[in-house]
Amino acid sequence: MDSNSLSAFDNYVETKELTGYEPVLGGELTEKAVWVDESRCIGCRYCAHVATNTFVVDDDYGRSRAIRQDGDNLETVQEAIDTCPVDCIHWVEFGNLEDLESSLDRDMFQSLGKLPRMNKH
């Protein structure tokens, strides 16, 4: 890149209001992640209808799950959180996601909307 085009780019960045969604342009990456407490989820599908790229309802358990952290913008994800009738969707620290996931015992979940599962224990 020559110095003239770099200056034009710098001028462009300086004149734009950064929203935080542009890490390349000086914004900050969010340190929060969205997590569904599947043990409390009732399978209403509201979140999956609002934030279609972030949430999906698992076919086996009938419960919502966050499948992508970058699927929808923050406002859409927050709207999905606000629609949850049992408040089972939360903003958590990225570093806590693995521990939260491992704390769920999906074998103990009763399938919602399907015949009861027979545990093989």
PDB file of N, CA and C in Angstrom:
ATOM      1  N   MET A   1       0.839  -1.172   0.000  1.00  0.00           N
ATOM      2  CA  MET A   1       0.000   0.000   0.000  1.00  0.00           C
ATOM      3  C   MET A   1       0.886   1.238   0.000  1.00  0.00           C
ATOM      4  N   ASP A   2       0.562   2.209  -0.805  1.00  0.00           N
ATOM      5  CA  ASP A   2       1.362   3.430  -0.800  1.00  0.00           C
ATOM      6  C   ASP A   2       0.896   4.358   0.319  1.00  0.00           C
ATOM      7  N   SER A   3       1.701   5.386   0.592  1.00  0.00           N
ATOM      8  CA  SER A   3       1.410   6.264   1.727  1.00  0.00           C
ATOM      9  C   SER A   3       0.139   7.083   1.515  1.00  0.00           C
ATOM     10  N   ASN A   4      -0.207   7.418   0.271  1.00  0.00           N
ATOM     11  CA  ASN A   4      -1.432   8.185   0.022  1.00  0.00           C
ATOM     12  C   ASN A   4      -2.684   7.377   0.358  1.00  0.00           C
ATOM     13  N   SER A   5      -2.702   6.123  -0.054  1.00  0.00           N
ATOM     14  CA  SER A   5      -3.884   5.313   0.240  1.00  0.00           C
ATOM     15  C   SER A   5      -3.961   4.984   1.730  1.00  0.00           C
ATOM     16  N   LEU A   6      -2.821   4.828   2.389  1.00  0.00           N
ATOM     17  CA  LEU A   6      -2.830   4.593   3.827  1.00  0.00           C
ATOM     18  C   LEU A   6      -3.367   5.819   4.554  1.00  0.00           C
ATOM     19  N   SER A   7      -2.988   6.997   4.130  1.00  0.00           N
ATOM     20  CA  SER A   7      -3.493   8.218   4.743  1.00  0.00           C
ATOM     21  C   SER A   7      -4.995   8.347   4.537  1.00  0.00           C
ATOM     22  N   ALA A   8      -5.465   7.989   3.362  1.00  0.00           N
ATOM     23  CA  ALA A   8      -6.901   8.045   3.098  1.00  0.00           C
ATOM     24  C   ALA A   8      -7.640   7.081   4.020  1.00  0.00           C
ATOM     25  N   PHE A   9      -7.066   5.903   4.221  1.00  0.00           N
ATOM     26  CA  PHE A   9      -7.677   4.925   5.120  1.00  0.00           C
ATOM     27  C   PHE A   9      -7.685   5.448   6.548  1.00  0.00           C
ATOM     28  N   ASP A  10      -6.557   6.013   6.984  1.00  0.00           N
ATOM     29  CA  ASP A  10      -6.494   6.573   8.334  1.00  0.00           C
ATOM     30  C   ASP A  10      -7.524   7.683   8.518  1.00  0.00           C
ATOM     31  N   ASN A  11      -7.672   8.537   7.512  1.00  0.00           N
ATOM     32  CA  ASN A  11      -8.668   9.611   7.579  1.00  0.00           C
ATOM     33  C   ASN A  11     -10.082   9.037   7.658  1.00  0.00           C
ATOM     34  N   TYR A  12     -10.323   7.988   6.894  1.00  0.00           N
ATOM     35  CA  TYR A  12     -11.636   7.343   6.925  1.00  0.00           C
ATOM     36  C   TYR A  12     -11.941   6.816   8.323  1.00  0.00           C
ATOM     37  N   VAL A  13     -10.973   6.147   8.921  1.00  0.00           N
ATOM     38  CA  VAL A  13     -11.172   5.582  10.253  1.00  0.00           C
ATOM     39  C   VAL A  13     -11.396   6.682  11.279  1.00  0.00           C
ATOM     40  N   GLU A  14     -10.663   7.771  11.176  1.00  0.00           N
ATOM     41  CA  GLU A  14     -10.789   8.859  12.143  1.00  0.00           C
ATOM     42  C   GLU A  14     -12.133   9.566  12.050  1.00  0.00           C
ATOM     43  N   THR A  15     -12.742   9.584  10.863  1.00  0.00           N
ATOM     44  CA  THR A  15     -14.012  10.286  10.704  1.00  0.00           C
ATOM     45  C   THR A  15     -15.216   9.411  11.031  1.00  0.00           C
ATOM     46  N   LYS A  16     -15.021   8.110  11.165  1.00  0.00           N
ATOM     47  CA  LYS A  16     -16.129   7.200  11.459  1.00  0.00           C
ATOM     48  C   LYS A  16     -16.213   6.947  12.958  1.00  0.00           C
ATOM     49  N   GLU A  17     -17.417   6.839  13.444  1.00  0.00           N
ATOM     50  CA  GLU A  17     -17.606   6.485  14.848  1.00  0.00           C
ATOM     51  C   GLU A  17     -17.519   4.969  14.970  1.00  0.00           C
ATOM     52  N   LEU A  18     -16.587   4.504  15.753  1.00  0.00           N
ATOM     53  CA  LEU A  18     -16.406   3.068  15.921  1.00  0.00           C
ATOM     54  C   LEU A  18     -17.453   2.533  16.890  1.00  0.00           C
ATOM     55  N   THR A  19     -17.999   1.385  16.562  1.00  0.00           N
ATOM     56  CA  THR A  19     -19.064   0.805  17.382  1.00  0.00           C
ATOM     57  C   THR A  19     -18.571  -0.294  18.306  1.00  0.00           C
ATOM     58  N   GLY A  20     -17.338  -0.768  18.088  1.00  0.00           N
ATOM     59  CA  GLY A  20     -16.846  -1.895  18.860  1.00  0.00           C
ATOM     60  C   GLY A  20     -16.998  -3.207  18.130  1.00  0.00           C
ATOM     61  N   TYR A  21     -17.747  -3.178  17.034  1.00  0.00           N
ATOM     62  CA  TYR A  21     -17.913  -4.388  16.238  1.00  0.00           C
ATOM     63  C   TYR A  21     -16.783  -4.558  15.233  1.00  0.00           C
ATOM     64  N   GLU A  22     -15.915  -3.561  15.112  1.00  0.00           N
ATOM     65  CA  GLU A  22     -14.850  -3.603  14.115  1.00  0.00           C
ATOM     66  C   GLU A  22     -13.490  -3.711  14.790  1.00  0.00           C
ATOM     67  N   PRO A  23     -13.083  -4.880  15.234  1.00  0.00           N
ATOM     68  CA  PRO A  23     -11.790  -5.006  15.898  1.00  0.00           C
ATOM     69  C   PRO A  23     -10.634  -4.568  15.014  1.00  0.00           C
ATOM     70  N   VAL A  24     -10.754  -4.784  13.727  1.00  0.00           N
ATOM     71  CA  VAL A  24      -9.698  -4.389  12.801  1.00  0.00           C
ATOM     72  C   VAL A  24      -9.568  -2.874  12.748  1.00  0.00           C
ATOM     73  N   LEU A  25     -10.658  -2.174  12.987  1.00  0.00           N
ATOM     74  CA  LEU A  25     -10.648  -0.718  12.906  1.00  0.00           C
ATOM     75  C   LEU A  25     -10.471  -0.055  14.267  1.00  0.00           C
ATOM     76  N   GLY A  26     -10.114  -0.806  15.257  1.00  0.00           N
ATOM     77  CA  GLY A  26      -9.850  -0.205  16.558  1.00  0.00           C
ATOM     78  C   GLY A  26     -10.863  -0.547  17.625  1.00  0.00           C
ATOM     79  N   GLY A  27     -11.892  -1.288  17.286  1.00  0.00           N
ATOM     80  CA  GLY A  27     -12.868  -1.696  18.291  1.00  0.00           C
ATOM     81  C   GLY A  27     -12.300  -2.790  19.175  1.00  0.00           C
ATOM     82  N   GLU A  28     -13.020  -3.122  20.210  1.00  0.00           N
ATOM     83  CA  GLU A  28     -12.576  -4.173  21.118  1.00  0.00           C
ATOM     84  C   GLU A  28     -13.445  -5.404  20.941  1.00  0.00           C
ATOM     85  N   LEU A  29     -12.808  -6.544  21.002  1.00  0.00           N
ATOM     86  CA  LEU A  29     -13.567  -7.784  20.965  1.00  0.00           C
ATOM     87  C   LEU A  29     -14.347  -7.924  22.261  1.00  0.00           C
ATOM     88  N   THR A  30     -15.530  -8.439  22.163  1.00  0.00           N
ATOM     89  CA  THR A  30     -16.314  -8.652  23.369  1.00  0.00           C
ATOM     90  C   THR A  30     -15.732  -9.825  24.155  1.00  0.00           C
ATOM     91  N   GLU A  31     -15.755  -9.735  25.450  1.00  0.00           N
ATOM     92  CA  GLU A  31     -15.244 -10.816  26.284  1.00  0.00           C
ATOM     93  C   GLU A  31     -16.384 -11.660  26.829  1.00  0.00           C
ATOM     94  N   LYS A  32     -17.590 -11.363  26.388  1.00  0.00           N
ATOM     95  CA  LYS A  32     -18.759 -12.101  26.847  1.00  0.00           C
ATOM     96  C   LYS A  32     -19.181 -13.114  25.798  1.00  0.00           C
ATOM     97  N   ALA A  33     -19.792 -14.165  26.267  1.00  0.00           N
ATOM     98  CA  ALA A  33     -20.340 -15.196  25.391  1.00  0.00           C
ATOM     99  C   ALA A  33     -21.767 -15.470  25.841  1.00  0.00           C
ATOM    100  N   VAL A  34     -22.572 -15.963  24.919  1.00  0.00           N
ATOM    101  CA  VAL A  34     -23.950 -16.304  25.264  1.00  0.00           C
ATOM    102  C   VAL A  34     -24.013 -17.796  25.574  1.00  0.00           C
ATOM    103  N   TRP A  35     -24.732 -18.129  26.639  1.00  0.00           N
ATOM    104  CA  TRP A  35     -24.836 -19.520  27.071  1.00  0.00           C
ATOM    105  C   TRP A  35     -26.269 -19.823  27.472  1.00  0.00           C
ATOM    106  N   VAL A  36     -26.746 -20.996  27.071  1.00  0.00           N
ATOM    107  CA  VAL A  36     -28.092 -21.443  27.427  1.00  0.00           C
ATOM    108  C   VAL A  36     -27.977 -22.500  28.520  1.00  0.00           C
ATOM    109  N   ASP A  37     -28.641 -22.257  29.620  1.00  0.00           N
ATOM    110  CA  ASP A  37     -28.724 -23.261  30.678  1.00  0.00           C
ATOM    111  C   ASP A  37     -29.795 -24.259  30.243  1.00  0.00           C
ATOM    112  N   GLU A  38     -29.360 -25.295  29.556  1.00  0.00           N
ATOM    113  CA  GLU A  38     -30.290 -26.254  28.959  1.00  0.00           C
ATOM    114  C   GLU A  38     -31.116 -26.992  30.000  1.00  0.00           C
ATOM    115  N   SER A  39     -30.648 -27.055  31.220  1.00  0.00           N
ATOM    116  CA  SER A  39     -31.417 -27.739  32.263  1.00  0.00           C
ATOM    117  C   SER A  39     -32.680 -26.963  32.621  1.00  0.00           C
ATOM    118  N   ARG A  40     -32.719 -25.670  32.327  1.00  0.00           N
ATOM    119  CA  ARG A  40     -33.890 -24.839  32.616  1.00  0.00           C
ATOM    120  C   ARG A  40     -34.716 -24.532  31.376  1.00  0.00           C
ATOM    121  N   CYS A  41     -34.173 -24.803  30.196  1.00  0.00           N
ATOM    122  CA  CYS A  41     -34.848 -24.477  28.935  1.00  0.00           C
ATOM    123  C   CYS A  41     -36.125 -25.306  28.789  1.00  0.00           C
ATOM    124  N   ILE A  42     -37.213 -24.665  28.324  1.00  0.00           N
ATOM    125  CA  ILE A  42     -38.484 -25.364  28.120  1.00  0.00           C
ATOM    126  C   ILE A  42     -38.750 -25.644  26.643  1.00  0.00           C
ATOM    127  N   GLY A  43     -37.819 -25.291  25.772  1.00  0.00           N
ATOM    128  CA  GLY A  43     -37.960 -25.596  24.356  1.00  0.00           C
ATOM    129  C   GLY A  43     -38.974 -24.751  23.619  1.00  0.00           C
ATOM    130  N   CYS A  44     -39.180 -23.518  24.035  1.00  0.00           N
ATOM    131  CA  CYS A  44     -40.189 -22.662  23.408  1.00  0.00           C
ATOM    132  C   CYS A  44     -39.781 -22.184  22.011  1.00  0.00           C
ATOM    133  N   ARG A  45     -38.499 -22.202  21.716  1.00  0.00           N
ATOM    134  CA  ARG A  45     -37.936 -21.829  20.416  1.00  0.00           C
ATOM    135  C   ARG A  45     -37.927 -20.322  20.139  1.00  0.00           C
ATOM    136  N   TYR A  46     -38.303 -19.490  21.087  1.00  0.00           N
ATOM    137  CA  TYR A  46     -38.315 -18.050  20.847  1.00  0.00           C
ATOM    138  C   TYR A  46     -36.933 -17.541  20.455  1.00  0.00           C
ATOM    139  N   CYS A  47     -35.920 -17.966  21.186  1.00  0.00           N
ATOM    140  CA  CYS A  47     -34.563 -17.482  20.909  1.00  0.00           C
ATOM    141  C   CYS A  47     -34.111 -17.896  19.516  1.00  0.00           C
ATOM    142  N   ALA A  48     -34.435 -19.120  19.114  1.00  0.00           N
ATOM    143  CA  ALA A  48     -34.029 -19.617  17.796  1.00  0.00           C
ATOM    144  C   ALA A  48     -34.756 -18.892  16.673  1.00  0.00           C
ATOM    145  N   HIS A  49     -35.947 -18.381  16.946  1.00  0.00           N
ATOM    146  CA  HIS A  49     -36.677 -17.611  15.938  1.00  0.00           C
ATOM    147  C   HIS A  49     -36.137 -16.189  15.819  1.00  0.00           C
ATOM    148  N   VAL A  50     -35.637 -15.637  16.916  1.00  0.00           N
ATOM    149  CA  VAL A  50     -35.122 -14.261  16.902  1.00  0.00           C
ATOM    150  C   VAL A  50     -33.684 -14.213  16.396  1.00  0.00           C
ATOM    151  N   ALA A  51     -32.811 -15.009  16.959  1.00  0.00           N
ATOM    152  CA  ALA A  51     -31.387 -15.018  16.591  1.00  0.00           C
ATOM    153  C   ALA A  51     -31.086 -16.346  15.897  1.00  0.00           C
ATOM    154  N   THR A  52     -31.477 -16.432  14.645  1.00  0.00           N
ATOM    155  CA  THR A  52     -31.432 -17.697  13.903  1.00  0.00           C
ATOM    156  C   THR A  52     -30.030 -18.214  13.655  1.00  0.00           C
ATOM    157  N   ASN A  53     -29.042 -17.346  13.673  1.00  0.00           N
ATOM    158  CA  ASN A  53     -27.663 -17.773  13.432  1.00  0.00           C
ATOM    159  C   ASN A  53     -26.904 -18.074  14.716  1.00  0.00           C
ATOM    160  N   THR A  54     -27.534 -17.868  15.854  1.00  0.00           N
ATOM    161  CA  THR A  54     -26.878 -18.085  17.139  1.00  0.00           C
ATOM    162  C   THR A  54     -27.440 -19.290  17.879  1.00  0.00           C
ATOM    163  N   PHE A  55     -28.754 -19.469  17.832  1.00  0.00           N
ATOM    164  CA  PHE A  55     -29.402 -20.527  18.606  1.00  0.00           C
ATOM    165  C   PHE A  55     -30.041 -21.566  17.698  1.00  0.00           C
ATOM    166  N   VAL A  56     -30.052 -22.794  18.174  1.00  0.00           N
ATOM    167  CA  VAL A  56     -30.752 -23.889  17.505  1.00  0.00           C
ATOM    168  C   VAL A  56     -31.381 -24.747  18.597  1.00  0.00           C
ATOM    169  N   VAL A  57     -32.508 -25.355  18.273  1.00  0.00           N
ATOM    170  CA  VAL A  57     -33.146 -26.263  19.219  1.00  0.00           C
ATOM    171  C   VAL A  57     -32.712 -27.676  18.873  1.00  0.00           C
ATOM    172  N   ASP A  58     -32.098 -28.334  19.828  1.00  0.00           N
ATOM    173  CA  ASP A  58     -31.574 -29.683  19.646  1.00  0.00           C
ATOM    174  C   ASP A  58     -32.712 -30.670  19.393  1.00  0.00           C
ATOM    175  N   ASP A  59     -32.595 -31.466  18.343  1.00  0.00           N
ATOM    176  CA  ASP A  59     -33.646 -32.427  17.991  1.00  0.00           C
ATOM    177  C   ASP A  59     -33.828 -33.513  19.040  1.00  0.00           C
ATOM    178  N   ASP A  60     -32.759 -33.948  19.656  1.00  0.00           N
ATOM    179  CA  ASP A  60     -32.849 -35.044  20.624  1.00  0.00           C
ATOM    180  C   ASP A  60     -33.486 -34.624  21.944  1.00  0.00           C
ATOM    181  N   TYR A  61     -33.140 -33.435  22.422  1.00  0.00           N
ATOM    182  CA  TYR A  61     -33.598 -33.008  23.740  1.00  0.00           C
ATOM    183  C   TYR A  61     -34.698 -31.956  23.693  1.00  0.00           C
ATOM    184  N   GLY A  62     -34.880 -31.297  22.546  1.00  0.00           N
ATOM    185  CA  GLY A  62     -35.895 -30.260  22.440  1.00  0.00           C
ATOM    186  C   GLY A  62     -35.552 -29.004  23.197  1.00  0.00           C
ATOM    187  N   ARG A  63     -34.259 -28.779  23.428  1.00  0.00           N
ATOM    188  CA  ARG A  63     -33.803 -27.616  24.194  1.00  0.00           C
ATOM    189  C   ARG A  63     -32.886 -26.759  23.330  1.00  0.00           C
ATOM    190  N   SER A  64     -32.894 -25.477  23.623  1.00  0.00           N
ATOM    191  CA  SER A  64     -32.085 -24.546  22.850  1.00  0.00           C
ATOM    192  C   SER A  64     -30.612 -24.663  23.216  1.00  0.00           C
ATOM    193  N   ARG A  65     -29.778 -24.332  22.252  1.00  0.00           N
ATOM    194  CA  ARG A  65     -28.329 -24.346  22.457  1.00  0.00           C
ATOM    195  C   ARG A  65     -27.726 -23.222  21.614  1.00  0.00           C
ATOM    196  N   ALA A  66     -26.735 -22.532  22.167  1.00  0.00           N
ATOM    197  CA  ALA A  66     -25.997 -21.528  21.392  1.00  0.00           C
ATOM    198  C   ALA A  66     -24.977 -22.266  20.537  1.00  0.00           C
ATOM    199  N   ILE A  67     -25.087 -22.112  19.220  1.00  0.00           N
ATOM    200  CA  ILE A  67     -24.191 -22.839  18.327  1.00  0.00           C
ATOM    201  C   ILE A  67     -23.087 -21.962  17.761  1.00  0.00           C
ATOM    202  N   ARG A  68     -23.285 -20.646  17.782  1.00  0.00           N
ATOM    203  CA  ARG A  68     -22.258 -19.719  17.286  1.00  0.00           C
ATOM    204  C   ARG A  68     -22.257 -18.473  18.143  1.00  0.00           C
ATOM    205  N   GLN A  69     -21.073 -18.037  18.514  1.00  0.00           N
ATOM    206  CA  GLN A  69     -20.958 -16.809  19.291  1.00  0.00           C
ATOM    207  C   GLN A  69     -20.968 -15.573  18.397  1.00  0.00           C
ATOM    208  N   ASP A  70     -20.672 -15.757  17.127  1.00  0.00           N
ATOM    209  CA  ASP A  70     -20.628 -14.623  16.204  1.00  0.00           C
ATOM    210  C   ASP A  70     -21.747 -14.696  15.170  1.00  0.00           C
ATOM    211  N   GLY A  71     -22.799 -15.439  15.462  1.00  0.00           N
ATOM    212  CA  GLY A  71     -23.858 -15.657  14.490  1.00  0.00           C
ATOM    213  C   GLY A  71     -24.709 -14.434  14.209  1.00  0.00           C
ATOM    214  N   ASP A  72     -25.071 -13.691  15.233  1.00  0.00           N
ATOM    215  CA  ASP A  72     -25.914 -12.508  15.096  1.00  0.00           C
ATOM    216  C   ASP A  72     -25.273 -11.351  15.846  1.00  0.00           C
ATOM    217  N   ASN A  73     -25.733 -10.129  15.536  1.00  0.00           N
ATOM    218  CA  ASN A  73     -25.170  -8.978  16.245  1.00  0.00           C
ATOM    219  C   ASN A  73     -25.662  -8.967  17.697  1.00  0.00           C
ATOM    220  N   LEU A  74     -24.996  -8.193  18.519  1.00  0.00           N
ATOM    221  CA  LEU A  74     -25.273  -8.200  19.956  1.00  0.00           C
ATOM    222  C   LEU A  74     -26.707  -7.805  20.285  1.00  0.00           C
ATOM    223  N   GLU A  75     -27.266  -6.850  19.529  1.00  0.00           N
ATOM    224  CA  GLU A  75     -28.635  -6.418  19.793  1.00  0.00           C
ATOM    225  C   GLU A  75     -29.629  -7.547  19.533  1.00  0.00           C
ATOM    226  N   THR A  76     -29.406  -8.306  18.470  1.00  0.00           N
ATOM    227  CA  THR A  76     -30.295  -9.421  18.143  1.00  0.00           C
ATOM    228  C   THR A  76     -30.201 -10.514  19.200  1.00  0.00           C
ATOM    229  N   VAL A  77     -28.985 -10.817  19.635  1.00  0.00           N
ATOM    230  CA  VAL A  77     -28.809 -11.830  20.678  1.00  0.00           C
ATOM    231  C   VAL A  77     -29.468 -11.362  21.976  1.00  0.00           C
ATOM    232  N   GLN A  78     -29.309 -10.087  22.313  1.00  0.00           N
ATOM    233  CA  GLN A  78     -29.940  -9.565  23.529  1.00  0.00           C
ATOM    234  C   GLN A  78     -31.460  -9.631  23.419  1.00  0.00           C
ATOM    235  N   GLU A  79     -31.997  -9.353  22.239  1.00  0.00           N
ATOM    236  CA  GLU A  79     -33.446  -9.471  22.036  1.00  0.00           C
ATOM    237  C   GLU A  79     -33.897 -10.918  22.252  1.00  0.00           C
ATOM    238  N   ALA A  80     -33.113 -11.868  21.749  1.00  0.00           N
ATOM    239  CA  ALA A  80     -33.436 -13.285  21.952  1.00  0.00           C
ATOM    240  C   ALA A  80     -33.405 -13.634  23.439  1.00  0.00           C
ATOM    241  N   ILE A  81     -32.418 -13.117  24.153  1.00  0.00           N
ATOM    242  CA  ILE A  81     -32.329 -13.349  25.599  1.00  0.00           C
ATOM    243  C   ILE A  81     -33.566 -12.787  26.295  1.00  0.00           C
ATOM    244  N   ASP A  82     -33.978 -11.594  25.879  1.00  0.00           N
ATOM    245  CA  ASP A  82     -35.137 -10.945  26.499  1.00  0.00           C
ATOM    246  C   ASP A  82     -36.448 -11.681  26.227  1.00  0.00           C
ATOM    247  N   THR A  83     -36.527 -12.451  25.132  1.00  0.00           N
ATOM    248  CA  THR A  83     -37.760 -13.176  24.817  1.00  0.00           C
ATOM    249  C   THR A  83     -37.897 -14.479  25.594  1.00  0.00           C
ATOM    250  N   CYS A  84     -36.837 -14.928  26.225  1.00  0.00           N
ATOM    251  CA  CYS A  84     -36.867 -16.218  26.924  1.00  0.00           C
ATOM    252  C   CYS A  84     -37.807 -16.138  28.132  1.00  0.00           C
ATOM    253  N   PRO A  85     -38.859 -16.960  28.163  1.00  0.00           N
ATOM    254  CA  PRO A  85     -39.819 -16.870  29.270  1.00  0.00           C
ATOM    255  C   PRO A  85     -39.304 -17.433  30.597  1.00  0.00           C
ATOM    256  N   VAL A  86     -38.229 -18.211  30.571  1.00  0.00           N
ATOM    257  CA  VAL A  86     -37.707 -18.783  31.818  1.00  0.00           C
ATOM    258  C   VAL A  86     -36.313 -18.258  32.164  1.00  0.00           C
ATOM    259  N   ASP A  87     -35.853 -17.261  31.446  1.00  0.00           N
ATOM    260  CA  ASP A  87     -34.551 -16.627  31.707  1.00  0.00           C
ATOM    261  C   ASP A  87     -33.415 -17.636  31.829  1.00  0.00           C
ATOM    262  N   CYS A  88     -33.302 -18.518  30.847  1.00  0.00           N
ATOM    263  CA  CYS A  88     -32.238 -19.527  30.899  1.00  0.00           C
ATOM    264  C   CYS A  88     -31.059 -19.187  29.992  1.00  0.00           C
ATOM    265  N   ILE A  89     -31.083 -18.007  29.352  1.00  0.00           N
ATOM    266  CA  ILE A  89     -29.988 -17.597  28.471  1.00  0.00           C
ATOM    267  C   ILE A  89     -29.238 -16.468  29.161  1.00  0.00           C
ATOM    268  N   HIS A  90     -27.914 -16.591  29.212  1.00  0.00           N
ATOM    269  CA  HIS A  90     -27.117 -15.640  29.982  1.00  0.00           C
ATOM    270  C   HIS A  90     -25.877 -15.206  29.211  1.00  0.00           C
ATOM    271  N   TRP A  91     -25.416 -13.994  29.518  1.00  0.00           N
ATOM    272  CA  TRP A  91     -24.089 -13.560  29.085  1.00  0.00           C
ATOM    273  C   TRP A  91     -23.111 -14.070  30.132  1.00  0.00           C
ATOM    274  N   VAL A  92     -22.060 -14.740  29.686  1.00  0.00           N
ATOM    275  CA  VAL A  92     -21.038 -15.272  30.590  1.00  0.00           C
ATOM    276  C   VAL A  92     -19.664 -14.911  30.041  1.00  0.00           C
ATOM    277  N   GLU A  93     -18.647 -15.104  30.852  1.00  0.00           N
ATOM    278  CA  GLU A  93     -17.276 -14.887  30.401  1.00  0.00           C
ATOM    279  C   GLU A  93     -16.881 -16.022  29.455  1.00  0.00           C
ATOM    280  N   PHE A  94     -16.160 -15.681  28.378  1.00  0.00           N
ATOM    281  CA  PHE A  94     -15.714 -16.709  27.438  1.00  0.00           C
ATOM    282  C   PHE A  94     -14.967 -17.836  28.151  1.00  0.00           C
ATOM    283  N   GLY A  95     -14.145 -17.473  29.106  1.00  0.00           N
ATOM    284  CA  GLY A  95     -13.344 -18.465  29.811  1.00  0.00           C
ATOM    285  C   GLY A  95     -14.164 -19.470  30.610  1.00  0.00           C
ATOM    286  N   ASN A  96     -15.418 -19.133  30.907  1.00  0.00           N
ATOM    287  CA  ASN A  96     -16.271 -20.025  31.695  1.00  0.00           C
ATOM    288  C   ASN A  96     -17.107 -20.975  30.846  1.00  0.00           C
ATOM    289  N   LEU A  97     -17.118 -20.786  29.527  1.00  0.00           N
ATOM    290  CA  LEU A  97     -17.973 -21.603  28.667  1.00  0.00           C
ATOM    291  C   LEU A  97     -17.702 -23.099  28.803  1.00  0.00           C
ATOM    292  N   GLU A  98     -16.451 -23.477  28.770  1.00  0.00           N
ATOM    293  CA  GLU A  98     -16.106 -24.897  28.819  1.00  0.00           C
ATOM    294  C   GLU A  98     -16.577 -25.533  30.130  1.00  0.00           C
ATOM    295  N   ASP A  99     -16.367 -24.835  31.241  1.00  0.00           N
ATOM    296  CA  ASP A  99     -16.808 -25.362  32.535  1.00  0.00           C
ATOM    297  C   ASP A  99     -18.331 -25.475  32.603  1.00  0.00           C
ATOM    298  N   LEU A 100     -19.022 -24.476  32.067  1.00  0.00           N
ATOM    299  CA  LEU A 100     -20.480 -24.512  32.077  1.00  0.00           C
ATOM    300  C   LEU A 100     -21.010 -25.665  31.228  1.00  0.00           C
ATOM    301  N   GLU A 101     -20.417 -25.851  30.057  1.00  0.00           N
ATOM    302  CA  GLU A 101     -20.836 -26.954  29.184  1.00  0.00           C
ATOM    303  C   GLU A 101     -20.608 -28.306  29.860  1.00  0.00           C
ATOM    304  N   SER A 102     -19.460 -28.455  30.491  1.00  0.00           N
ATOM    305  CA  SER A 102     -19.156 -29.744  31.120  1.00  0.00           C
ATOM    306  C   SER A 102     -20.017 -29.994  32.358  1.00  0.00           C
ATOM    307  N   SER A 103     -20.590 -28.940  32.930  1.00  0.00           N
ATOM    308  CA  SER A 103     -21.433 -29.113  34.114  1.00  0.00           C
ATOM    309  C   SER A 103     -22.821 -29.647  33.769  1.00  0.00           C
ATOM    310  N   LEU A 104     -23.214 -29.570  32.493  1.00  0.00           N
ATOM    311  CA  LEU A 104     -24.525 -30.078  32.086  1.00  0.00           C
ATOM    312  C   LEU A 104     -24.475 -31.591  31.937  1.00  0.00           C
ATOM    313  N   ASP A 105     -25.395 -32.270  32.570  1.00  0.00           N
ATOM    314  CA  ASP A 105     -25.489 -33.724  32.443  1.00  0.00           C
ATOM    315  C   ASP A 105     -26.672 -34.023  31.528  1.00  0.00           C
ATOM    316  N   ARG A 106     -26.398 -34.028  30.226  1.00  0.00           N
ATOM    317  CA  ARG A 106     -27.478 -34.197  29.250  1.00  0.00           C
ATOM    318  C   ARG A 106     -28.141 -35.568  29.333  1.00  0.00           C
ATOM    319  N   ASP A 107     -27.475 -36.554  29.894  1.00  0.00           N
ATOM    320  CA  ASP A 107     -28.097 -37.871  30.050  1.00  0.00           C
ATOM    321  C   ASP A 107     -29.287 -37.826  31.003  1.00  0.00           C
ATOM    322  N   MET A 108     -29.316 -36.830  31.862  1.00  0.00           N
ATOM    323  CA  MET A 108     -30.405 -36.720  32.825  1.00  0.00           C
ATOM    324  C   MET A 108     -31.558 -35.870  32.300  1.00  0.00           C
ATOM    325  N   PHE A 109     -31.403 -35.256  31.116  1.00  0.00           N
ATOM    326  CA  PHE A 109     -32.465 -34.426  30.554  1.00  0.00           C
ATOM    327  C   PHE A 109     -33.611 -35.300  30.072  1.00  0.00           C
ATOM    328  N   GLN A 110     -34.815 -34.881  30.379  1.00  0.00           N
ATOM    329  CA  GLN A 110     -35.991 -35.510  29.801  1.00  0.00           C
ATOM    330  C   GLN A 110     -36.249 -34.808  28.475  1.00  0.00           C
ATOM    331  N   SER A 111     -36.466 -35.562  27.436  1.00  0.00           N
ATOM    332  CA  SER A 111     -36.735 -34.987  26.132  1.00  0.00           C
ATOM    333  C   SER A 111     -38.057 -34.231  26.180  1.00  0.00           C
ATOM    334  N   LEU A 112     -38.069 -33.023  25.623  1.00  0.00           N
ATOM    335  CA  LEU A 112     -39.278 -32.208  25.607  1.00  0.00           C
ATOM    336  C   LEU A 112     -40.042 -32.453  24.311  1.00  0.00           C
ATOM    337  N   GLY A 113     -41.287 -32.817  24.403  1.00  0.00           N
ATOM    338  CA  GLY A 113     -42.110 -32.999  23.217  1.00  0.00           C
ATOM    339  C   GLY A 113     -41.944 -34.347  22.541  1.00  0.00           C
ATOM    340  N   LYS A 114     -41.210 -35.256  23.140  1.00  0.00           N
ATOM    341  CA  LYS A 114     -41.029 -36.592  22.584  1.00  0.00           C
ATOM    342  C   LYS A 114     -41.291 -37.615  23.678  1.00  0.00           C
ATOM    343  N   LEU A 115     -41.367 -38.861  23.286  1.00  0.00           N
ATOM    344  CA  LEU A 115     -41.526 -39.908  24.280  1.00  0.00           C
ATOM    345  C   LEU A 115     -40.325 -39.929  25.216  1.00  0.00           C
ATOM    346  N   PRO A 116     -40.512 -40.348  26.461  1.00  0.00           N
ATOM    347  CA  PRO A 116     -39.387 -40.391  27.403  1.00  0.00           C
ATOM    348  C   PRO A 116     -38.239 -41.249  26.882  1.00  0.00           C
ATOM    349  N   ARG A 117     -37.033 -40.771  27.136  1.00  0.00           N
ATOM    350  CA  ARG A 117     -35.836 -41.516  26.750  1.00  0.00           C
ATOM    351  C   ARG A 117     -35.551 -42.557  27.810  1.00  0.00           C
ATOM    352  N   MET A 118     -35.071 -43.668  27.372  1.00  0.00           N
ATOM    353  CA  MET A 118     -34.677 -44.717  28.306  1.00  0.00           C
ATOM    354  C   MET A 118     -33.173 -44.620  28.513  1.00  0.00           C
ATOM    355  N   ASN A 119     -32.761 -44.272  29.719  1.00  0.00           N
ATOM    356  CA  ASN A 119     -31.333 -44.202  30.021  1.00  0.00           C
ATOM    357  C   ASN A 119     -30.754 -45.603  30.055  1.00  0.00           C
ATOM    358  N   LYS A 120     -29.547 -45.729  29.575  1.00  0.00           N
ATOM    359  CA  LYS A 120     -28.894 -47.034  29.500  1.00  0.00           C
ATOM    360  C   LYS A 120     -27.944 -47.251  30.664  1.00  0.00           C
ATOM    361  N   HIS A 121     -28.194 -46.588  31.776  1.00  0.00           N
ATOM    362  CA  HIS A 121     -27.314 -46.715  32.943  1.00  0.00           C
ATOM    363  C   HIS A 121     -27.801 -47.799  33.845  1.00  0.00           C
TER     364      HIS A 121
END
